């Protein structure tokens, strides 16, 4: 059975999702836009074991925490689609625009 927890992150309250298999405990963190400590707390509370980070698209409120979280967890990042590369290249600008 799959379980999930919505974790509102960033001042925009974007929905990061922790999705895990109840049987194995393996999890994916979807769209960790920021507030990495809050995401890590949710992981600890659920007992899930993240094995990857999934990015649905390249907006800052969905990807800004991905690299930090991946480094802390030692997991790969999958996504976003390569057509969002222009958004990733402008990530610093996106973050400045949205503080």
N, C-alpha and C. Protein backbone atom coordinates (compact mmCIF):
# COMPACT_ATOMS: atom_id res chain seq x y z
N UNK A 1 0.84 -1.17 0.00
CA UNK A 1 0.00 0.00 0.00
C UNK A 1 0.89 1.24 0.00
N UNK A 2 0.54 2.23 -0.82
CA UNK A 2 1.28 3.48 -0.85
C UNK A 2 0.68 4.44 0.16
N UNK A 3 1.56 5.14 0.83
CA UNK A 3 1.17 6.18 1.78
C UNK A 3 1.79 7.49 1.31
N UNK A 4 1.22 8.59 1.76
CA UNK A 4 1.80 9.89 1.41
C UNK A 4 1.57 10.89 2.52
N UNK A 5 2.41 11.89 2.50
CA UNK A 5 2.26 13.03 3.40
C UNK A 5 2.56 14.28 2.60
N UNK A 6 1.69 15.26 2.68
CA UNK A 6 1.91 16.56 2.06
C UNK A 6 2.67 17.43 3.05
N UNK A 7 3.75 18.05 2.56
CA UNK A 7 4.58 18.90 3.41
C UNK A 7 4.62 20.28 2.77
N UNK A 8 3.86 21.25 3.27
CA UNK A 8 3.91 22.59 2.69
C UNK A 8 5.29 23.22 2.92
N UNK A 9 5.90 23.71 1.85
CA UNK A 9 7.23 24.30 1.94
C UNK A 9 7.26 25.65 1.23
N UNK A 10 8.23 26.42 1.56
CA UNK A 10 8.50 27.76 1.04
C UNK A 10 7.42 28.73 1.48
N UNK A 11 7.70 30.02 1.39
CA UNK A 11 6.67 31.02 1.72
C UNK A 11 5.42 30.88 0.83
N UNK A 12 5.57 30.23 -0.32
CA UNK A 12 4.42 30.03 -1.21
C UNK A 12 3.56 28.84 -0.78
N UNK A 13 4.04 28.10 0.25
CA UNK A 13 3.32 26.92 0.76
C UNK A 13 3.07 25.89 -0.33
N UNK A 14 4.08 25.68 -1.17
CA UNK A 14 4.03 24.68 -2.24
C UNK A 14 3.96 23.30 -1.60
N UNK A 15 3.23 22.40 -2.21
CA UNK A 15 3.06 21.06 -1.66
C UNK A 15 4.17 20.12 -2.10
N UNK A 16 5.11 19.87 -1.20
CA UNK A 16 6.08 18.80 -1.38
C UNK A 16 5.37 17.53 -0.90
N UNK A 17 5.61 16.43 -1.58
CA UNK A 17 4.96 15.17 -1.19
C UNK A 17 6.00 14.12 -0.86
N UNK A 18 5.81 13.47 0.26
CA UNK A 18 6.59 12.29 0.62
C UNK A 18 5.69 11.10 0.33
N UNK A 19 6.12 10.25 -0.59
CA UNK A 19 5.34 9.09 -1.03
C UNK A 19 6.15 7.84 -0.72
N UNK A 20 5.55 6.89 0.06
CA UNK A 20 6.32 5.72 0.42
C UNK A 20 5.48 4.45 0.39
N UNK A 21 6.18 3.35 0.23
CA UNK A 21 5.57 2.02 0.24
C UNK A 21 5.51 1.56 1.70
N UNK A 22 4.33 1.23 2.15
CA UNK A 22 4.16 0.79 3.53
C UNK A 22 4.92 -0.51 3.81
N UNK A 23 4.98 -1.40 2.80
CA UNK A 23 5.63 -2.71 3.00
C UNK A 23 7.15 -2.59 3.08
N UNK A 24 7.75 -1.77 2.20
CA UNK A 24 9.21 -1.70 2.14
C UNK A 24 9.78 -0.47 2.86
N UNK A 25 8.97 0.56 3.00
CA UNK A 25 9.45 1.81 3.58
C UNK A 25 10.16 2.70 2.58
N UNK A 26 10.40 2.19 1.35
CA UNK A 26 11.08 3.01 0.34
C UNK A 26 10.19 4.17 -0.09
N UNK A 27 10.85 5.33 -0.27
CA UNK A 27 10.10 6.56 -0.51
C UNK A 27 10.70 7.40 -1.61
N UNK A 28 9.85 8.28 -2.13
CA UNK A 28 10.28 9.33 -3.05
C UNK A 28 9.83 10.65 -2.44
N UNK A 29 10.68 11.65 -2.55
CA UNK A 29 10.33 13.01 -2.16
C UNK A 29 10.05 13.74 -3.46
N UNK A 30 8.85 14.28 -3.58
CA UNK A 30 8.42 14.91 -4.81
C UNK A 30 8.35 16.42 -4.62
N UNK A 31 9.08 17.14 -5.46
CA UNK A 31 9.09 18.61 -5.49
C UNK A 31 9.49 19.26 -4.17
N UNK A 32 10.73 18.99 -3.69
CA UNK A 32 11.20 19.61 -2.44
C UNK A 32 11.70 21.03 -2.69
N UNK A 33 10.81 21.97 -2.78
CA UNK A 33 11.17 23.33 -3.14
C UNK A 33 11.96 24.10 -2.11
N UNK A 34 12.01 23.63 -0.91
CA UNK A 34 12.74 24.32 0.15
C UNK A 34 12.36 23.76 1.50
N UNK A 35 12.74 24.46 2.56
CA UNK A 35 12.46 24.01 3.93
C UNK A 35 12.92 22.57 4.13
N UNK A 36 14.16 22.31 3.78
CA UNK A 36 14.72 20.97 3.83
C UNK A 36 14.60 20.36 5.23
N UNK A 37 14.79 21.16 6.28
CA UNK A 37 14.66 20.64 7.64
C UNK A 37 13.25 20.10 7.90
N UNK A 38 12.25 20.79 7.39
CA UNK A 38 10.86 20.34 7.56
C UNK A 38 10.64 19.01 6.83
N UNK A 39 11.22 18.88 5.65
CA UNK A 39 11.10 17.63 4.88
C UNK A 39 11.80 16.49 5.62
N UNK A 40 13.00 16.74 6.11
CA UNK A 40 13.74 15.72 6.86
C UNK A 40 12.98 15.29 8.11
N UNK A 41 12.33 16.23 8.77
CA UNK A 41 11.54 15.90 9.95
C UNK A 41 10.39 14.96 9.58
N UNK A 42 9.73 15.23 8.47
CA UNK A 42 8.63 14.36 8.01
C UNK A 42 9.14 12.97 7.69
N UNK A 43 10.31 12.90 7.05
CA UNK A 43 10.91 11.60 6.73
C UNK A 43 11.16 10.82 8.02
N UNK A 44 11.73 11.50 9.01
CA UNK A 44 12.03 10.84 10.28
C UNK A 44 10.74 10.38 10.98
N UNK A 45 9.73 11.24 10.98
CA UNK A 45 8.48 10.90 11.67
C UNK A 45 7.78 9.70 11.04
N UNK A 46 7.87 9.57 9.72
CA UNK A 46 7.19 8.47 9.04
C UNK A 46 8.01 7.18 9.06
N UNK A 47 9.33 7.31 9.25
CA UNK A 47 10.20 6.14 9.19
C UNK A 47 10.49 5.70 7.77
N UNK A 48 10.09 6.50 6.80
CA UNK A 48 10.34 6.18 5.39
C UNK A 48 11.83 6.31 5.07
N UNK A 49 12.25 5.60 4.02
CA UNK A 49 13.63 5.67 3.55
C UNK A 49 13.64 6.18 2.12
N UNK A 50 13.92 7.48 1.93
CA UNK A 50 13.93 8.01 0.57
C UNK A 50 15.00 7.34 -0.29
N UNK A 51 14.61 6.99 -1.50
CA UNK A 51 15.55 6.40 -2.45
C UNK A 51 15.72 7.29 -3.69
N UNK A 52 14.88 8.33 -3.81
CA UNK A 52 15.02 9.26 -4.93
C UNK A 52 14.22 10.51 -4.66
N UNK A 53 14.56 11.54 -5.43
CA UNK A 53 13.81 12.79 -5.44
C UNK A 53 13.25 12.94 -6.84
N UNK A 54 11.97 13.25 -6.93
CA UNK A 54 11.31 13.44 -8.22
C UNK A 54 10.92 14.91 -8.37
N UNK A 55 11.24 15.49 -9.52
CA UNK A 55 10.88 16.88 -9.80
C UNK A 55 9.90 16.90 -10.96
N UNK A 56 8.73 17.49 -10.73
CA UNK A 56 7.71 17.51 -11.77
C UNK A 56 7.94 18.59 -12.81
N UNK A 57 8.57 19.69 -12.39
CA UNK A 57 8.90 20.77 -13.32
C UNK A 57 9.93 21.68 -12.65
N UNK A 58 10.39 22.68 -13.39
CA UNK A 58 11.55 23.46 -12.95
C UNK A 58 11.29 24.77 -12.25
N UNK A 59 10.10 25.01 -11.74
CA UNK A 59 9.87 26.24 -10.99
C UNK A 59 10.60 26.17 -9.65
N UNK A 60 11.09 27.32 -9.22
CA UNK A 60 11.91 27.39 -8.00
C UNK A 60 11.21 26.80 -6.78
N UNK A 61 9.90 27.02 -6.66
CA UNK A 61 9.21 26.52 -5.47
C UNK A 61 9.05 25.00 -5.48
N UNK A 62 9.48 24.36 -6.56
CA UNK A 62 9.45 22.90 -6.66
C UNK A 62 10.84 22.28 -6.64
N UNK A 63 11.88 23.03 -7.02
CA UNK A 63 13.21 22.42 -7.16
C UNK A 63 14.30 23.01 -6.27
N UNK A 64 14.07 24.14 -5.64
CA UNK A 64 15.16 24.85 -4.96
C UNK A 64 15.83 24.04 -3.85
N UNK A 65 15.11 23.15 -3.18
CA UNK A 65 15.72 22.35 -2.11
C UNK A 65 16.23 21.00 -2.56
N UNK A 66 16.08 20.68 -3.84
CA UNK A 66 16.39 19.33 -4.33
C UNK A 66 17.87 18.96 -4.18
N UNK A 67 18.77 19.82 -4.60
CA UNK A 67 20.20 19.48 -4.55
C UNK A 67 20.67 19.29 -3.11
N UNK A 68 20.26 20.18 -2.22
CA UNK A 68 20.66 20.06 -0.81
C UNK A 68 20.11 18.77 -0.21
N UNK A 69 18.83 18.49 -0.46
CA UNK A 69 18.21 17.29 0.09
C UNK A 69 18.85 16.03 -0.48
N UNK A 70 19.12 16.03 -1.78
CA UNK A 70 19.77 14.86 -2.40
C UNK A 70 21.13 14.60 -1.78
N UNK A 71 21.89 15.66 -1.53
CA UNK A 71 23.21 15.49 -0.92
C UNK A 71 23.10 14.95 0.50
N UNK A 72 22.16 15.45 1.26
CA UNK A 72 21.99 14.99 2.65
C UNK A 72 21.52 13.54 2.72
N UNK A 73 20.65 13.14 1.78
CA UNK A 73 20.11 11.79 1.79
C UNK A 73 20.93 10.79 0.98
N UNK A 74 21.81 11.32 0.11
CA UNK A 74 22.59 10.44 -0.76
C UNK A 74 21.74 9.73 -1.80
N UNK A 75 20.77 10.46 -2.36
CA UNK A 75 19.86 9.88 -3.35
C UNK A 75 19.91 10.66 -4.65
N UNK A 76 19.53 10.01 -5.76
CA UNK A 76 19.51 10.71 -7.05
C UNK A 76 18.27 11.58 -7.22
N UNK A 77 18.39 12.53 -8.14
CA UNK A 77 17.27 13.38 -8.54
C UNK A 77 16.83 12.96 -9.93
N UNK A 78 15.54 12.75 -10.10
CA UNK A 78 14.98 12.44 -11.42
C UNK A 78 14.05 13.59 -11.81
N UNK A 79 14.25 14.10 -13.04
CA UNK A 79 13.43 15.19 -13.53
C UNK A 79 14.08 16.52 -13.22
N UNK A 80 13.46 17.58 -13.62
CA UNK A 80 12.27 17.60 -14.44
C UNK A 80 12.60 17.25 -15.89
N UNK A 81 11.61 17.31 -16.74
CA UNK A 81 11.80 17.03 -18.16
C UNK A 81 12.85 17.98 -18.73
N UNK A 82 13.61 17.52 -19.68
CA UNK A 82 14.70 18.35 -20.24
C UNK A 82 14.19 19.65 -20.86
N UNK A 83 12.93 19.73 -21.22
CA UNK A 83 12.38 20.98 -21.74
C UNK A 83 12.32 22.08 -20.68
N UNK A 84 12.48 21.72 -19.41
CA UNK A 84 12.51 22.70 -18.32
C UNK A 84 13.92 23.17 -18.00
N UNK A 85 14.89 22.79 -18.81
CA UNK A 85 16.28 23.18 -18.55
C UNK A 85 16.43 24.70 -18.46
N UNK A 86 15.68 25.44 -19.28
CA UNK A 86 15.78 26.90 -19.23
C UNK A 86 15.34 27.43 -17.87
N UNK A 87 14.39 26.77 -17.24
CA UNK A 87 13.97 27.19 -15.89
C UNK A 87 15.06 26.91 -14.87
N UNK A 88 15.71 25.76 -15.00
CA UNK A 88 16.79 25.42 -14.07
C UNK A 88 17.96 26.37 -14.22
N UNK A 89 18.25 26.77 -15.45
CA UNK A 89 19.34 27.72 -15.67
C UNK A 89 19.03 29.09 -15.07
N UNK A 90 17.75 29.39 -14.92
CA UNK A 90 17.34 30.67 -14.36
C UNK A 90 16.91 30.54 -12.90
N UNK A 91 17.33 29.47 -12.23
CA UNK A 91 16.90 29.21 -10.85
C UNK A 91 17.28 30.34 -9.90
N UNK A 92 18.49 30.86 -10.03
CA UNK A 92 18.92 31.94 -9.15
C UNK A 92 18.00 33.15 -9.33
N UNK A 93 17.70 33.49 -10.57
CA UNK A 93 16.81 34.60 -10.85
C UNK A 93 15.40 34.33 -10.30
N UNK A 94 14.90 33.11 -10.49
CA UNK A 94 13.59 32.77 -9.95
C UNK A 94 13.54 32.97 -8.44
N UNK A 95 14.60 32.52 -7.77
CA UNK A 95 14.64 32.65 -6.31
C UNK A 95 14.67 34.12 -5.88
N UNK A 96 15.40 34.92 -6.62
CA UNK A 96 15.45 36.35 -6.30
C UNK A 96 14.09 37.00 -6.50
N UNK A 97 13.39 36.62 -7.55
CA UNK A 97 12.08 37.21 -7.84
C UNK A 97 11.04 36.85 -6.77
N UNK A 98 11.13 35.64 -6.24
CA UNK A 98 10.13 35.18 -5.27
C UNK A 98 10.63 35.18 -3.83
N UNK A 99 11.86 35.66 -3.63
CA UNK A 99 12.48 35.75 -2.30
C UNK A 99 12.53 34.40 -1.63
